[in-house]
Amino acid sequence: MSIVEVLRAHVRERLRPWGIGNGSRVLCAVSGGVDSVVLLELLFELSSELGFLLAVAHADHGLRGRASEEDAEFVRQLAGERGLSVMLERLPVREYARTHRCSLQVAARTLRYEFLQRSARSFGATHVALAHTLDDNAETVLLNLLRGSGLEGLAGIPPCRELFPGCWLIRPLLSVRKEQLYAYARTRGIPWRDDASNRDRRFRRNRLRWDVLPRLEELVPAAITNIARCSSLLRQALEGIEQLLRPLLQQAALPGGGFFFADSSWDALPPFFRLELLRLGLRQLGVPYGPPAEHALRALDLRNAPTGKRLVLTQGMLLVREHAGLSLLPPAPPLPSLTLEPRGRHRVGPWMLEFEPVECAAVRFGDDPTTEVLDAERLPPLLQWRPPQPGDRFHPLGMPKEIKLGDFLTNQRLPFWRRRLLTVLADGQRVLWVCGVRLSDTVKLTPQTRRCLRLRLLFVGYSAQPEHGSRTD
């Protein structure tokens, strides 16, 4: 078989298990280099045979001046010649690196994946195809080994992973040598763009690519293939560990997003499994990569830190030492404030608050702190529903006097994951209900109560919530 037939058969074989066929929509990421150009050509040839719709995405990192612009124009023409729609975007890599104090490589990778997510959603993609090769995988494994990476890093580049629900990131060329792609392109007369920065020895990956790997292949001719085989075995081990840990992660899920790992379950795991549980949690929260090695070690040390100690992980994720465990939390927007009348339904942040008049004779008290009944005549005509503020005062139900709200919350030992979503119903700085926690003694039912009002707090999530607080009835 010719190299053309070999690679076409190889990619066809890879696509079928991923469910690519009639009705699929594949977005091919094309940089202009030989790898992505060959992948595009192979997918284009197979699209009519397998019945999927194909489009092109190109991220212009803006790091090489005129050459970057020429790459974008080359990809535009490549897609146009094949009648394919193309999505191009210039990414603010340098600005991102300065703002987030990270390397250009980290900034480019982060922005590139965000761009691919946006483009895939816009196109309605079921799959996003990347052109990583066997050589890329060997470089990645060795770089991760030199960084002291964990199992995920040594498992190399995954052939397939979920980009977002309903869309998968796939790498059909991951077991193909780069030299085969050059041979295919030359045989078919396909042009490509050479990125001069790929030979810049200032970058560690390039030194590994051009100086180290050739020496390894002189020593062991099958070195790159052997590295790939080893990474494949480690990936199988990683998938097995994830299968064991996934039930623990489900048990630890929090209603507001994030996870709470109780000390008892955390301590029962070997240290390596704790880090894998943390990495799996980060992935569920949308972070495609595990924490850097130094963060991983600090995460383990956090178990013995004082309550309230926090560690900022990748992409603003927080790991917090709680009273009896660790919370892994995504960034949360600040909660707004809302002035309301005590009737109907209202929303603030991820919460909905319902007011409902009830017959006093029919009132039955339960143990659910998200539902309370109070004396409607002891409420002012307007209330503030908001986060707690300095200076707030509160008379907890059943206690003899008013105290500082902060003292009450400290005594309650509410974990950080609850406190950051906490709201109060207040009259000025007089708190009438710490929502979902405790009612004020000043609005409780008494034998003299004539009108009863039921309050119900519901968690509805941010996705169903307008930007500001609002009334919904």
Protein backbone atom coordinates (compact mmCIF):
# COMPACT_ATOMS: atom_id res chain seq x y z
CA MET A 1 0.00 0.00 0.00
CA SER A 2 1.14 3.54 -0.72
CA ILE A 3 1.59 6.05 2.09
CA VAL A 4 -1.61 7.74 0.91
CA GLU A 5 -3.61 4.53 1.26
CA VAL A 6 -1.96 3.65 4.57
CA LEU A 7 -2.79 6.95 6.23
CA ARG A 8 -6.31 7.12 4.82
CA ALA A 9 -7.04 3.62 6.13
CA HIS A 10 -5.45 4.51 9.47
CA VAL A 11 -7.56 7.64 10.00
CA ARG A 12 -10.73 5.87 8.82
CA GLU A 13 -10.09 3.15 11.40
CA ARG A 14 -9.61 5.75 14.15
CA LEU A 15 -12.75 7.72 13.33
CA ARG A 16 -15.28 4.90 13.49
CA PRO A 17 -14.88 4.01 17.22
CA TRP A 18 -15.40 7.69 18.03
CA GLY A 19 -18.81 7.52 16.40
CA ILE A 20 -17.98 9.80 13.47
CA GLY A 21 -20.39 9.24 10.60
CA ASN A 22 -23.65 10.58 9.22
CA GLY A 23 -24.71 13.66 11.15
CA SER A 24 -21.34 14.25 12.81
CA ARG A 25 -19.77 17.70 12.61
CA VAL A 26 -15.97 17.74 12.77
CA LEU A 27 -13.95 20.91 13.33
CA CYS A 28 -10.32 20.48 12.25
CA ALA A 29 -7.76 22.74 13.96
CA VAL A 30 -5.26 23.80 11.27
CA SER A 31 -2.12 25.78 12.04
CA GLY A 32 -0.76 25.58 8.49
CA GLY A 33 2.03 23.17 9.39
CA VAL A 34 2.43 19.83 7.65
CA ASP A 35 0.73 17.82 10.42
CA SER A 36 -2.55 19.76 10.46
CA VAL A 37 -2.60 20.26 6.68
CA VAL A 38 -2.32 16.51 6.10
CA LEU A 39 -5.00 15.83 8.75
CA LEU A 40 -7.32 18.28 7.02
CA GLU A 41 -6.74 16.61 3.66
CA LEU A 42 -7.42 13.15 5.09
CA LEU A 43 -10.58 14.29 6.85
CA PHE A 44 -11.75 16.09 3.72
CA GLU A 45 -11.35 12.91 1.66
CA LEU A 46 -13.19 10.83 4.27
CA SER A 47 -16.00 13.33 4.96
CA SER A 48 -18.03 12.35 1.89
CA GLU A 49 -17.38 8.64 2.45
CA LEU A 50 -18.41 8.67 6.13
CA GLY A 51 -21.02 11.42 5.81
CA PHE A 52 -19.77 14.00 8.30
CA LEU A 53 -19.64 17.78 7.92
CA LEU A 54 -16.17 19.35 8.09
CA ALA A 55 -15.01 22.88 9.00
CA VAL A 56 -11.67 24.53 9.81
CA ALA A 57 -10.47 26.52 12.85
CA HIS A 58 -7.26 28.56 12.92
CA ALA A 59 -5.87 30.39 15.95
CA ASP A 60 -3.52 33.27 15.13
CA HIS A 61 -1.29 33.67 18.19
CA GLY A 62 0.12 36.94 16.85
CA LEU A 63 3.63 36.08 18.04
CA ARG A 64 5.48 36.12 14.70
CA GLY A 65 4.31 39.34 13.10
CA ARG A 66 3.79 39.11 9.36
CA ALA A 67 4.43 35.35 9.34
CA SER A 68 1.42 34.81 11.62
CA GLU A 69 -0.78 36.81 9.28
CA GLU A 70 0.48 34.79 6.30
CA ASP A 71 -0.29 31.55 8.13
CA ALA A 72 -3.86 32.71 8.70
CA GLU A 73 -4.26 33.68 5.05
CA PHE A 74 -2.80 30.32 3.95
CA VAL A 75 -5.34 28.43 6.08
CA ARG A 76 -8.16 30.62 4.78
CA GLN A 77 -7.21 29.77 1.19
CA LEU A 78 -6.79 26.08 2.05
CA ALA A 79 -10.33 25.93 3.43
CA GLY A 80 -11.74 28.00 0.57
CA GLU A 81 -10.28 25.68 -2.07
CA ARG A 82 -12.18 22.82 -0.45
CA GLY A 83 -15.39 24.76 0.05
CA LEU A 84 -15.08 24.57 3.84
CA SER A 85 -16.13 27.23 6.32
CA VAL A 86 -13.25 28.56 8.39
CA MET A 87 -13.14 30.22 11.80
CA LEU A 88 -10.13 32.44 12.43
CA GLU A 89 -9.33 34.47 15.51
CA ARG A 90 -6.31 36.47 16.65
CA LEU A 91 -5.51 35.60 20.26
CA PRO A 92 -4.08 38.17 22.73
CA VAL A 93 -1.31 35.84 23.90
CA ARG A 94 1.20 38.44 25.09
CA GLU A 95 -1.45 40.40 26.97
CA TYR A 96 -2.76 37.24 28.63
CA ALA A 97 0.76 36.17 29.66
CA ARG A 98 1.41 39.58 31.25
CA THR A 99 -1.95 39.72 33.02
CA HIS A 100 -1.78 36.16 34.36
CA ARG A 101 1.99 36.11 34.89
CA CYS A 102 2.55 32.95 32.91
CA SER A 103 4.76 31.90 30.01
CA LEU A 104 3.83 32.58 26.40
CA GLN A 105 3.45 28.82 25.87
CA VAL A 106 0.96 28.48 28.74
CA ALA A 107 -0.92 31.58 27.58
CA ALA A 108 -1.08 30.32 23.99
CA ARG A 109 -2.32 26.89 25.04
CA THR A 110 -4.98 28.30 27.37
CA LEU A 111 -6.32 30.78 24.82
CA ARG A 112 -6.14 28.22 22.02
CA TYR A 113 -8.36 25.75 23.86
CA GLU A 114 -10.80 28.51 24.78
CA PHE A 115 -10.92 29.48 21.09
CA LEU A 116 -11.54 25.88 20.07
CA GLN A 117 -14.40 25.63 22.55
CA ARG A 118 -16.00 28.82 21.21
CA SER A 119 -15.54 27.71 17.61
CA ALA A 120 -16.86 24.22 18.30
CA ARG A 121 -19.99 25.61 19.96
CA SER A 122 -20.51 28.04 17.10
CA PHE A 123 -20.18 25.26 14.51
CA GLY A 124 -22.17 22.77 16.57
CA ALA A 125 -19.21 20.40 16.45
CA THR A 126 -19.46 16.87 17.78
CA HIS A 127 -15.69 16.47 17.43
CA VAL A 128 -12.63 18.72 17.26
CA ALA A 129 -9.66 17.11 15.48
CA LEU A 130 -6.06 17.94 16.40
CA ALA A 131 -2.97 16.78 14.50
CA HIS A 132 -0.66 15.58 17.29
CA THR A 133 1.66 12.75 16.24
CA LEU A 134 3.66 9.94 17.82
CA ASP A 135 6.68 12.27 17.89
CA ASP A 136 4.69 14.97 19.70
CA ASN A 137 3.61 12.41 22.26
CA ALA A 138 7.20 11.26 22.89
CA GLU A 139 8.30 14.88 23.37
CA THR A 140 5.45 15.51 25.80
CA VAL A 141 6.19 12.40 27.87
CA LEU A 142 9.89 13.25 28.17
CA LEU A 143 9.19 16.90 29.03
CA ASN A 144 6.74 15.81 31.71
CA LEU A 145 9.24 13.30 33.05
CA LEU A 146 11.86 16.05 33.33
CA ARG A 147 9.33 18.26 35.16
CA GLY A 148 8.66 15.53 37.72
CA SER A 149 5.13 14.97 36.44
CA GLY A 150 2.66 12.52 37.86
CA LEU A 151 0.89 9.67 36.12
CA GLU A 152 -1.24 11.94 33.93
CA GLY A 153 1.85 13.61 32.47
CA LEU A 154 3.67 10.35 31.86
CA ALA A 155 0.56 8.93 30.17
CA GLY A 156 1.20 11.47 27.42
CA ILE A 157 -1.30 13.06 25.09
CA PRO A 158 -4.76 11.46 25.30
CA PRO A 159 -6.11 10.22 21.96
CA CYS A 160 -9.61 11.40 22.91
CA ARG A 161 -11.19 13.47 25.68
CA GLU A 162 -14.35 15.45 26.23
CA LEU A 163 -13.93 19.12 25.30
CA PHE A 164 -17.36 19.97 26.68
CA PRO A 165 -20.60 17.97 26.96
CA GLY A 166 -21.50 16.70 23.51
CA CYS A 167 -18.14 17.49 21.91
CA TRP A 168 -14.97 15.38 21.90
CA LEU A 169 -11.37 16.35 21.24
CA ILE A 170 -9.81 13.69 19.01
CA ARG A 171 -6.29 13.03 17.70
CA PRO A 172 -6.46 10.63 14.73
CA LEU A 173 -2.70 10.87 13.99
CA LEU A 174 -1.41 10.18 17.48
CA SER A 175 0.15 6.84 16.50
CA VAL A 176 1.60 8.17 13.22
CA ARG A 177 5.24 9.26 12.82
CA LYS A 178 5.81 12.80 11.59
CA GLU A 179 8.02 11.53 8.76
CA GLN A 180 4.98 9.69 7.36
CA LEU A 181 3.09 12.97 7.14
CA TYR A 182 5.91 14.62 5.21
CA ALA A 183 5.91 11.64 2.84
CA TYR A 184 2.13 11.94 2.35
CA ALA A 185 2.30 15.68 1.67
CA ARG A 186 5.11 15.31 -0.84
CA THR A 187 3.35 12.43 -2.61
CA ARG A 188 0.13 14.42 -2.93
CA GLY A 189 1.87 17.72 -3.71
CA ILE A 190 0.19 19.43 -0.73
CA PRO A 191 1.77 22.75 0.38
CA TRP A 192 2.31 23.64 4.01
CA ARG A 193 3.80 26.41 6.10
CA ASP A 194 7.02 26.06 8.10
CA ASP A 195 7.05 27.82 11.48
CA ALA A 196 10.59 29.08 12.08
CA SER A 197 9.95 29.19 15.84
CA ASN A 198 9.76 25.38 15.85
CA ARG A 199 13.56 25.35 15.36
CA ASP A 200 14.29 27.99 17.99
CA ARG A 201 16.57 26.27 20.51
CA ARG A 202 15.52 28.71 23.23
CA PHE A 203 12.43 26.56 23.72
CA ARG A 204 12.95 23.37 25.69
CA ARG A 205 10.66 21.30 23.48
CA ASN A 206 12.67 22.25 20.40
CA ARG A 207 15.95 21.27 22.01
CA LEU A 208 14.38 17.95 22.92
CA ARG A 209 12.98 17.52 19.40
CA TRP A 210 16.13 18.33 17.45
CA ASP A 211 18.94 17.40 19.86
CA VAL A 212 17.77 14.73 22.32
CA LEU A 213 15.30 12.48 20.50
CA PRO A 214 17.59 11.85 17.50
CA ARG A 215 20.34 10.75 19.93
CA LEU A 216 17.89 8.46 21.69
CA GLU A 217 16.97 6.86 18.38
CA GLU A 218 20.65 6.34 17.62
CA LEU A 219 20.89 4.49 20.92
CA VAL A 220 17.57 2.63 20.56
CA PRO A 221 16.12 2.79 17.02
CA ALA A 222 12.56 2.19 18.32
CA ALA A 223 12.89 4.75 21.14
CA ILE A 224 9.93 6.95 20.15
CA THR A 225 7.68 3.95 19.51
CA ASN A 226 8.69 2.44 22.85
CA ILE A 227 7.94 5.69 24.68
CA ALA A 228 4.50 5.71 23.05
CA ARG A 229 3.88 2.10 24.11
CA CYS A 230 4.88 2.92 27.70
CA SER A 231 2.63 6.01 27.79
CA SER A 232 -0.26 3.93 26.44
CA LEU A 233 0.11 1.43 29.29
CA LEU A 234 0.26 4.25 31.83
CA ARG A 235 -2.87 5.78 30.32
CA GLN A 236 -4.69 2.47 30.82
CA ALA A 237 -3.57 2.50 34.46
CA LEU A 238 -4.74 6.10 34.80
CA GLU A 239 -8.16 5.25 33.37
CA GLY A 240 -8.46 2.36 35.82
CA ILE A 241 -7.66 4.63 38.77
CA GLU A 242 -10.18 7.20 37.54
CA GLN A 243 -12.83 4.49 37.38
CA LEU A 244 -12.15 3.65 41.04
CA LEU A 245 -12.18 7.30 42.16
CA ARG A 246 -15.19 8.55 40.21
CA PRO A 247 -17.76 7.30 42.81
CA LEU A 248 -15.84 9.17 45.54
CA LEU A 249 -15.96 12.31 43.43
CA GLN A 250 -19.71 11.96 42.92
CA GLN A 251 -20.21 11.61 46.67
CA ALA A 252 -18.13 14.76 47.26
CA ALA A 253 -20.05 16.98 44.79
CA LEU A 254 -21.42 20.26 46.20
CA PRO A 255 -24.74 21.86 45.15
CA GLY A 256 -23.06 25.16 44.32
CA GLY A 257 -20.35 23.60 42.17
CA GLY A 258 -17.14 22.09 43.45
CA PHE A 259 -16.34 19.26 45.84
CA PHE A 260 -15.94 18.68 49.56
CA PHE A 261 -13.54 15.91 50.56
CA ALA A 262 -14.20 14.89 54.16
CA ASP A 263 -11.09 14.16 56.21
CA SER A 264 -12.22 10.58 56.82
CA SER A 265 -12.45 9.70 53.12
CA TRP A 266 -9.38 11.79 52.18
CA ASP A 267 -7.19 10.15 54.83
CA ALA A 268 -8.28 6.67 53.74
CA LEU A 269 -6.63 7.18 50.34
CA PRO A 270 -2.92 6.79 49.62
CA PRO A 271 -1.28 10.19 48.88
CA PHE A 272 -1.04 9.41 45.17
CA PHE A 273 -4.76 8.67 44.97
CA ARG A 274 -5.51 11.95 46.78
CA LEU A 275 -3.72 13.85 44.04
CA GLU A 276 -5.53 11.87 41.35
CA LEU A 277 -8.87 12.65 43.04
CA LEU A 278 -7.94 16.32 43.05
CA ARG A 279 -6.93 16.20 39.38
CA LEU A 280 -10.17 14.44 38.47
CA GLY A 281 -12.13 17.10 40.36
CA LEU A 282 -10.33 19.88 38.49
CA ARG A 283 -11.18 18.23 35.19
CA GLN A 284 -14.86 18.04 36.17
CA LEU A 285 -14.68 21.78 36.89
CA GLY A 286 -13.37 22.47 33.39
CA VAL A 287 -9.59 22.49 33.93
CA PRO A 288 -8.06 20.17 31.31
CA TYR A 289 -4.74 19.78 33.13
CA GLY A 290 -3.82 18.76 36.65
CA PRO A 291 -2.10 21.17 39.07
CA PRO A 292 1.65 21.86 38.66
CA ALA A 293 3.93 19.68 40.75
CA GLU A 294 4.57 22.39 43.36
CA HIS A 295 0.82 22.97 43.76
CA ALA A 296 0.24 19.24 44.11
CA LEU A 297 2.67 19.00 47.04
CA ARG A 298 1.16 22.08 48.71
CA ALA A 299 -2.30 20.57 48.22
CA LEU A 300 -1.29 17.51 50.23
CA ASP A 301 0.21 19.74 52.94
CA LEU A 302 -3.07 21.66 53.22
CA ARG A 303 -4.60 18.69 55.07
CA ASN A 304 -2.66 19.73 58.21
CA ALA A 305 -3.08 23.50 57.76
CA PRO A 306 -5.28 25.69 60.00
CA THR A 307 -8.97 25.99 59.09
CA GLY A 308 -9.48 28.72 56.51
CA LYS A 309 -6.12 28.29 54.77
CA ARG A 310 -6.52 28.56 50.97
CA LEU A 311 -4.47 27.52 47.98
CA VAL A 312 -5.13 29.03 44.54
CA LEU A 313 -4.78 26.36 41.86
CA THR A 314 -5.00 26.43 38.06
CA GLN A 315 -7.46 28.91 36.49
CA GLY A 316 -8.46 30.43 39.82
CA MET A 317 -9.69 27.18 41.39
CA LEU A 318 -9.52 27.23 45.19
CA LEU A 319 -8.54 24.47 47.57
CA VAL A 320 -9.69 25.45 51.08
CA ARG A 321 -8.96 23.85 54.43
CA GLU A 322 -12.34 23.49 56.17
CA HIS A 323 -13.16 22.41 59.71
CA ALA A 324 -13.47 18.73 58.76
CA GLY A 325 -12.23 18.43 55.22
CA LEU A 326 -11.02 20.13 52.04
CA SER A 327 -13.14 22.08 49.55
CA LEU A 328 -12.22 22.30 45.86
CA LEU A 329 -14.14 25.27 44.45
CA PRO A 330 -14.40 27.11 41.12
CA PRO A 331 -14.29 30.92 41.05
CA ALA A 332 -17.68 32.40 41.92
CA PRO A 333 -18.99 35.84 40.93
CA PRO A 334 -19.89 38.17 43.82
CA LEU A 335 -23.51 37.95 44.89
CA PRO A 336 -25.68 41.00 44.10
CA SER A 337 -28.11 42.70 46.47
CA LEU A 338 -31.85 43.12 45.91
CA THR A 339 -34.45 45.32 47.59
CA LEU A 340 -37.79 43.50 47.59
CA GLU A 341 -41.28 43.34 48.94
CA PRO A 342 -42.01 40.23 51.03
CA ARG A 343 -44.18 38.53 48.42
CA GLY A 344 -43.79 36.46 45.27
CA ARG A 345 -40.52 34.97 43.97
CA HIS A 346 -37.14 36.62 43.67
CA ARG A 347 -33.66 35.63 42.49
CA VAL A 348 -30.16 36.58 43.62
CA GLY A 349 -27.11 34.82 42.26
CA PRO A 350 -27.82 31.08 42.20
CA TRP A 351 -30.69 31.39 44.69
CA MET A 352 -34.46 31.76 44.43
CA LEU A 353 -36.50 33.03 47.38
CA GLU A 354 -40.24 32.41 47.62
CA PHE A 355 -42.73 34.18 49.91
CA GLU A 356 -46.07 32.42 50.42
CA PRO A 357 -48.88 33.37 52.87
CA VAL A 358 -50.12 30.35 54.85
CA GLU A 359 -52.86 29.69 57.36
CA CYS A 360 -51.32 29.88 60.81
CA ALA A 361 -53.39 26.91 62.00
CA ALA A 362 -51.88 24.79 59.21
CA VAL A 363 -48.23 25.58 60.06
CA ARG A 364 -46.08 22.52 60.75
CA PHE A 365 -42.41 22.93 61.63
CA GLY A 366 -39.81 20.63 60.12
CA ASP A 367 -36.04 20.21 60.18
CA ASP A 368 -35.36 21.77 56.78
CA PRO A 369 -33.46 25.08 57.36
CA THR A 370 -34.25 26.24 53.80
CA THR A 371 -37.93 26.66 54.76
CA GLU A 372 -39.09 28.93 57.59
CA VAL A 373 -42.42 30.42 58.73
CA LEU A 374 -42.49 33.84 60.37
CA ASP A 375 -44.86 36.55 61.57
CA ALA A 376 -45.69 38.63 58.47
CA GLU A 377 -46.75 41.65 60.57
CA ARG A 378 -43.29 41.90 62.10
CA LEU A 379 -41.67 42.49 58.69
CA PRO A 380 -41.02 45.95 57.21
CA PRO A 381 -42.63 46.75 53.81
CA LEU A 382 -39.22 46.50 52.07
CA LEU A 383 -36.39 44.06 52.73
CA GLN A 384 -32.83 43.69 51.49
CA TRP A 385 -31.73 40.29 50.25
CA ARG A 386 -27.97 40.37 50.07
CA PRO A 387 -24.67 38.87 51.21
CA PRO A 388 -23.66 39.48 54.85
CA GLN A 389 -21.99 42.84 55.53
CA PRO A 390 -19.70 44.21 58.26
CA GLY A 391 -21.79 45.63 61.08
CA ASP A 392 -24.72 43.23 60.63
CA ARG A 393 -26.50 42.30 63.86
CA PHE A 394 -28.55 39.16 64.43
CA HIS A 395 -30.77 37.78 67.20
CA PRO A 396 -30.70 34.00 66.55
CA LEU A 397 -33.92 32.13 67.22
CA GLY A 398 -33.83 30.63 70.72
CA MET A 399 -30.98 32.80 72.00
CA PRO A 400 -31.46 35.49 74.68
CA LYS A 401 -30.00 38.53 72.87
CA GLU A 402 -28.71 40.09 69.69
CA ILE A 403 -25.10 39.44 68.68
CA LYS A 404 -22.76 40.29 65.81
CA LEU A 405 -23.63 38.25 62.75
CA GLY A 406 -19.94 37.44 62.25
CA ASP A 407 -19.77 35.90 65.74
CA PHE A 408 -22.84 33.80 65.02
CA LEU A 409 -21.37 32.49 61.73
CA THR A 410 -18.06 31.69 63.42
CA ASN A 411 -19.86 29.70 66.11
CA GLN A 412 -21.84 27.84 63.44
CA ARG A 413 -18.58 26.70 61.81
CA LEU A 414 -20.05 27.08 58.36
CA PRO A 415 -17.57 25.85 55.77
CA PHE A 416 -16.18 28.33 53.27
CA TRP A 417 -18.07 26.71 50.41
CA ARG A 418 -21.32 27.64 52.17
CA ARG A 419 -20.25 31.04 53.46
CA ARG A 420 -19.25 32.34 50.04
CA LEU A 421 -22.82 31.66 48.78
CA LEU A 422 -24.50 32.84 51.96
CA THR A 423 -27.27 35.44 51.81
CA VAL A 424 -29.32 37.21 54.47
CA LEU A 425 -32.74 38.81 54.53
CA ALA A 426 -32.30 42.10 56.36
CA ASP A 427 -33.89 45.36 57.45
CA GLY A 428 -30.89 47.68 57.25
CA GLN A 429 -28.20 45.97 59.34
CA ARG A 430 -30.75 44.00 61.34
CA VAL A 431 -30.70 40.45 59.95
CA LEU A 432 -34.09 38.72 59.96
CA TRP A 433 -33.01 35.45 58.37
CA VAL A 434 -29.62 33.96 57.67
CA CYS A 435 -31.02 32.20 54.62
CA GLY A 436 -30.93 28.46 54.95
CA VAL A 437 -29.29 28.62 58.40
CA ARG A 438 -31.32 30.33 61.16
CA LEU A 439 -34.34 32.64 61.58
CA SER A 440 -34.23 35.71 63.80
CA ASP A 441 -36.03 35.58 67.11
CA THR A 442 -37.53 38.99 66.30
CA VAL A 443 -39.84 37.60 63.58
CA LYS A 444 -40.79 34.26 65.10
CA LEU A 445 -44.39 33.12 65.48
CA THR A 446 -46.05 33.94 68.79
CA PRO A 447 -49.52 33.30 70.26
CA GLN A 448 -50.41 36.81 69.05
CA THR A 449 -49.44 36.11 65.41
CA ARG A 450 -52.33 36.74 63.01
CA ARG A 451 -50.63 36.43 59.58
CA CYS A 452 -48.06 33.76 58.78
CA LEU A 453 -45.60 33.89 55.90
CA ARG A 454 -43.61 30.92 54.62
CA LEU A 455 -40.12 31.58 53.21
CA ARG A 456 -38.49 28.97 50.98
CA LEU A 457 -34.88 29.15 49.69
CA LEU A 458 -34.11 27.18 46.51
CA PHE A 459 -30.79 26.65 44.78
CA VAL A 460 -31.32 27.13 41.03
CA GLY A 461 -27.71 27.58 39.84
CA TYR A 462 -26.07 30.35 37.88
CA SER A 463 -27.13 29.08 34.45
CA ALA A 464 -30.77 29.95 35.08
CA GLN A 465 -29.97 33.28 36.70
CA PRO A 466 -29.98 36.79 35.25
CA GLU A 467 -26.89 38.90 35.89
CA HIS A 468 -28.53 40.91 38.69
CA GLY A 469 -31.09 40.10 41.33
CA SER A 470 -34.65 40.18 40.07
CA ARG A 471 -38.25 39.50 40.85
CA THR A 472 -39.71 36.64 38.80
CA ASP A 473 -43.40 36.55 39.59
